[in-house]
Amino acid sequence: MRVLLLVVIFIFILVPQVSATPSLDEINQKVCNRFEEDTARLAGVMEELRRRKGITETRVAFGNVDTKIETADYWITYAAEAIAFQRSKKSDSKATLKAQLNTLAGKVIRAKNEVRKALNE
């Protein structure tokens, strides 16, 4: 009887700890969600900037950029594509995931900096 009681107590102590740690895929998805929110905000800022300046052309997708606004649009698109690609990746270790997310963060930060330059134009 005591052994059974100890086993039950042991299970109640260990099970919540094991299930409380998020998987690498869950971490990846949460970070990608956050970066996706950032790029959506940046895209909204650029849409408003283009509206205020009377620019009606669509976003630049392949890098033929002549203005700061086109450069910012290019980097927003590039960051959004990188987020979509990262979302589909499956990481084997924390170190790999961390390196991939740091690279992705750099792309999102670059997009933010380009939007800042376009706003100051």
C-alpha atoms as a PDB file:
ATOM      1  CA  MET A   1       0.000   0.000   0.000  1.00  0.00           C
ATOM      2  CA  ARG A   2       2.815   2.412   0.863  1.00  0.00           C
ATOM      3  CA  VAL A   3       4.597   1.611  -2.379  1.00  0.00           C
ATOM      4  CA  LEU A   4       1.476   2.360  -4.390  1.00  0.00           C
ATOM      5  CA  LEU A   5       1.016   5.639  -2.539  1.00  0.00           C
ATOM      6  CA  LEU A   6       4.652   6.597  -3.194  1.00  0.00           C
ATOM      7  CA  VAL A   7       4.301   5.765  -6.876  1.00  0.00           C
ATOM      8  CA  VAL A   8       1.172   7.912  -7.179  1.00  0.00           C
ATOM      9  CA  ILE A   9       2.855  10.825  -5.389  1.00  0.00           C
ATOM     10  CA  PHE A  10       5.934  10.412  -7.577  1.00  0.00           C
ATOM     11  CA  ILE A  11       3.785  10.517 -10.728  1.00  0.00           C
ATOM     12  CA  PHE A  12       1.989  13.673  -9.579  1.00  0.00           C
ATOM     13  CA  ILE A  13       5.303  15.371  -8.898  1.00  0.00           C
ATOM     14  CA  LEU A  14       7.049  14.405 -12.151  1.00  0.00           C
ATOM     15  CA  VAL A  15       4.277  14.634 -14.730  1.00  0.00           C
ATOM     16  CA  PRO A  16       3.630  18.393 -14.400  1.00  0.00           C
ATOM     17  CA  GLN A  17       7.362  19.141 -14.611  1.00  0.00           C
ATOM     18  CA  VAL A  18       7.836  17.086 -17.737  1.00  0.00           C
ATOM     19  CA  SER A  19       4.823  18.530 -19.537  1.00  0.00           C
ATOM     20  CA  ALA A  20       5.625  22.090 -18.439  1.00  0.00           C
ATOM     21  CA  THR A  21       8.714  22.389 -20.637  1.00  0.00           C
ATOM     22  CA  PRO A  22       7.781  23.602 -24.124  1.00  0.00           C
ATOM     23  CA  SER A  23       9.154  21.751 -27.112  1.00  0.00           C
ATOM     24  CA  LEU A  24      11.585  23.366 -29.524  1.00  0.00           C
ATOM     25  CA  ASP A  25       8.831  23.524 -32.119  1.00  0.00           C
ATOM     26  CA  GLU A  26       6.530  25.404 -29.714  1.00  0.00           C
ATOM     27  CA  ILE A  27       9.301  27.885 -28.949  1.00  0.00           C
ATOM     28  CA  ASN A  28       9.975  28.312 -32.657  1.00  0.00           C
ATOM     29  CA  GLN A  29       6.293  28.960 -33.379  1.00  0.00           C
ATOM     30  CA  LYS A  30       5.946  31.485 -30.531  1.00  0.00           C
ATOM     31  CA  VAL A  31       8.983  33.459 -31.649  1.00  0.00           C
ATOM     32  CA  CYS A  32       7.830  33.349 -35.273  1.00  0.00           C
ATOM     33  CA  ASN A  33       4.414  34.643 -34.176  1.00  0.00           C
ATOM     34  CA  ARG A  34       6.079  37.554 -32.424  1.00  0.00           C
ATOM     35  CA  PHE A  35       8.237  38.386 -35.445  1.00  0.00           C
ATOM     36  CA  GLU A  36       5.214  38.067 -37.713  1.00  0.00           C
ATOM     37  CA  GLU A  37       3.366  40.640 -35.591  1.00  0.00           C
ATOM     38  CA  ASP A  38       6.349  42.974 -35.918  1.00  0.00           C
ATOM     39  CA  THR A  39       6.501  42.659 -39.699  1.00  0.00           C
ATOM     40  CA  ALA A  40       2.733  43.163 -39.975  1.00  0.00           C
ATOM     41  CA  ARG A  41       3.080  46.402 -38.005  1.00  0.00           C
ATOM     42  CA  LEU A  42       5.968  47.501 -40.196  1.00  0.00           C
ATOM     43  CA  ALA A  43       3.921  46.753 -43.312  1.00  0.00           C
ATOM     44  CA  GLY A  44       1.075  48.826 -41.868  1.00  0.00           C
ATOM     45  CA  VAL A  45       3.425  51.728 -41.208  1.00  0.00           C
ATOM     46  CA  MET A  46       4.710  51.558 -44.771  1.00  0.00           C
ATOM     47  CA  GLU A  47       1.194  51.389 -46.210  1.00  0.00           C
ATOM     48  CA  GLU A  48       0.301  54.543 -44.286  1.00  0.00           C
ATOM     49  CA  LEU A  49       3.505  56.261 -45.417  1.00  0.00           C
ATOM     50  CA  ARG A  50       2.786  55.393 -49.057  1.00  0.00           C
ATOM     51  CA  ARG A  51      -0.809  56.589 -48.668  1.00  0.00           C
ATOM     52  CA  ARG A  52       0.320  59.922 -47.233  1.00  0.00           C
ATOM     53  CA  LYS A  53       2.866  60.418 -50.009  1.00  0.00           C
ATOM     54  CA  GLY A  54       0.384  59.379 -52.717  1.00  0.00           C
ATOM     55  CA  ILE A  55       2.378  56.335 -53.817  1.00  0.00           C
ATOM     56  CA  THR A  56       0.090  53.744 -55.388  1.00  0.00           C
ATOM     57  CA  GLU A  57       2.578  51.142 -56.654  1.00  0.00           C
ATOM     58  CA  THR A  58       2.818  47.734 -55.073  1.00  0.00           C
ATOM     59  CA  ARG A  59       5.612  46.398 -52.904  1.00  0.00           C
ATOM     60  CA  VAL A  60       8.999  45.485 -54.300  1.00  0.00           C
ATOM     61  CA  ALA A  61       9.643  41.760 -54.181  1.00  0.00           C
ATOM     62  CA  PHE A  62      12.876  41.189 -56.068  1.00  0.00           C
ATOM     63  CA  GLY A  63      15.225  43.948 -55.019  1.00  0.00           C
ATOM     64  CA  ASN A  64      14.987  46.571 -57.800  1.00  0.00           C
ATOM     65  CA  VAL A  65      14.971  49.374 -55.269  1.00  0.00           C
ATOM     66  CA  ASP A  66      15.609  53.043 -55.987  1.00  0.00           C
ATOM     67  CA  THR A  67      14.125  54.799 -52.954  1.00  0.00           C
ATOM     68  CA  LYS A  68      14.177  54.329 -49.213  1.00  0.00           C
ATOM     69  CA  ILE A  69      10.499  53.388 -49.299  1.00  0.00           C
ATOM     70  CA  GLU A  70      11.169  50.622 -51.827  1.00  0.00           C
ATOM     71  CA  THR A  71      14.143  49.445 -49.775  1.00  0.00           C
ATOM     72  CA  ALA A  72      11.999  49.248 -46.638  1.00  0.00           C
ATOM     73  CA  ASP A  73       9.286  47.360 -48.523  1.00  0.00           C
ATOM     74  CA  TYR A  74      11.886  44.944 -49.853  1.00  0.00           C
ATOM     75  CA  TRP A  75      13.259  44.203 -46.371  1.00  0.00           C
ATOM     76  CA  ILE A  76       9.781  43.754 -44.901  1.00  0.00           C
ATOM     77  CA  THR A  77       8.997  41.218 -47.617  1.00  0.00           C
ATOM     78  CA  TYR A  78      12.357  39.522 -47.104  1.00  0.00           C
ATOM     79  CA  ALA A  79      11.779  39.264 -43.342  1.00  0.00           C
ATOM     80  CA  ALA A  80       8.244  37.911 -43.847  1.00  0.00           C
ATOM     81  CA  GLU A  81       9.534  35.217 -46.190  1.00  0.00           C
ATOM     82  CA  ALA A  82      12.302  34.332 -43.734  1.00  0.00           C
ATOM     83  CA  ILE A  83       9.701  33.975 -40.959  1.00  0.00           C
ATOM     84  CA  ALA A  84       7.600  31.647 -43.104  1.00  0.00           C
ATOM     85  CA  PHE A  85      10.674  29.561 -43.892  1.00  0.00           C
ATOM     86  CA  GLN A  86      11.726  29.423 -40.216  1.00  0.00           C
ATOM     87  CA  ARG A  87       8.226  28.352 -39.212  1.00  0.00           C
ATOM     88  CA  SER A  88       8.571  25.238 -41.362  1.00  0.00           C
ATOM     89  CA  LYS A  89      11.981  24.243 -39.965  1.00  0.00           C
ATOM     90  CA  LYS A  90      12.379  21.523 -37.356  1.00  0.00           C
ATOM     91  CA  SER A  91      15.345  22.074 -35.046  1.00  0.00           C
ATOM     92  CA  ASP A  92      17.254  19.218 -33.450  1.00  0.00           C
ATOM     93  CA  SER A  93      18.860  21.158 -30.619  1.00  0.00           C
ATOM     94  CA  LYS A  94      18.541  24.343 -28.603  1.00  0.00           C
ATOM     95  CA  ALA A  95      21.784  25.678 -30.054  1.00  0.00           C
ATOM     96  CA  THR A  96      20.570  25.231 -33.628  1.00  0.00           C
ATOM     97  CA  LEU A  97      17.217  26.840 -32.865  1.00  0.00           C
ATOM     98  CA  LYS A  98      18.892  29.737 -31.094  1.00  0.00           C
ATOM     99  CA  ALA A  99      21.221  30.353 -34.044  1.00  0.00           C
ATOM    100  CA  GLN A 100      18.335  30.206 -36.518  1.00  0.00           C
ATOM    101  CA  LEU A 101      16.197  32.585 -34.455  1.00  0.00           C
ATOM    102  CA  ASN A 102      19.108  35.011 -34.018  1.00  0.00           C
ATOM    103  CA  THR A 103      19.545  35.086 -37.783  1.00  0.00           C
ATOM    104  CA  LEU A 104      15.833  35.697 -38.202  1.00  0.00           C
ATOM    105  CA  ALA A 105      15.918  38.452 -35.584  1.00  0.00           C
ATOM    106  CA  GLY A 106      18.673  40.166 -37.556  1.00  0.00           C
ATOM    107  CA  LYS A 107      16.470  40.215 -40.653  1.00  0.00           C
ATOM    108  CA  VAL A 108      13.518  41.668 -38.738  1.00  0.00           C
ATOM    109  CA  ILE A 109      15.761  44.301 -37.133  1.00  0.00           C
ATOM    110  CA  ARG A 110      17.136  45.222 -40.557  1.00  0.00           C
ATOM    111  CA  ALA A 111      13.557  45.690 -41.792  1.00  0.00           C
ATOM    112  CA  LYS A 112      12.809  47.929 -38.778  1.00  0.00           C
ATOM    113  CA  ASN A 113      15.895  50.021 -39.486  1.00  0.00           C
ATOM    114  CA  GLU A 114      14.945  50.420 -43.150  1.00  0.00           C
ATOM    115  CA  VAL A 115      11.428  51.538 -42.170  1.00  0.00           C
ATOM    116  CA  ARG A 116      12.961  54.053 -39.774  1.00  0.00           C
ATOM    117  CA  LYS A 117      15.115  55.421 -42.627  1.00  0.00           C
ATOM    118  CA  ALA A 118      12.076  55.663 -44.909  1.00  0.00           C
ATOM    119  CA  LEU A 119      10.130  57.566 -42.267  1.00  0.00           C
ATOM    120  CA  ASN A 120      12.986  60.039 -41.826  1.00  0.00           C
ATOM    121  CA  GLU A 121      13.238  60.670 -45.578  1.00  0.00           C
END
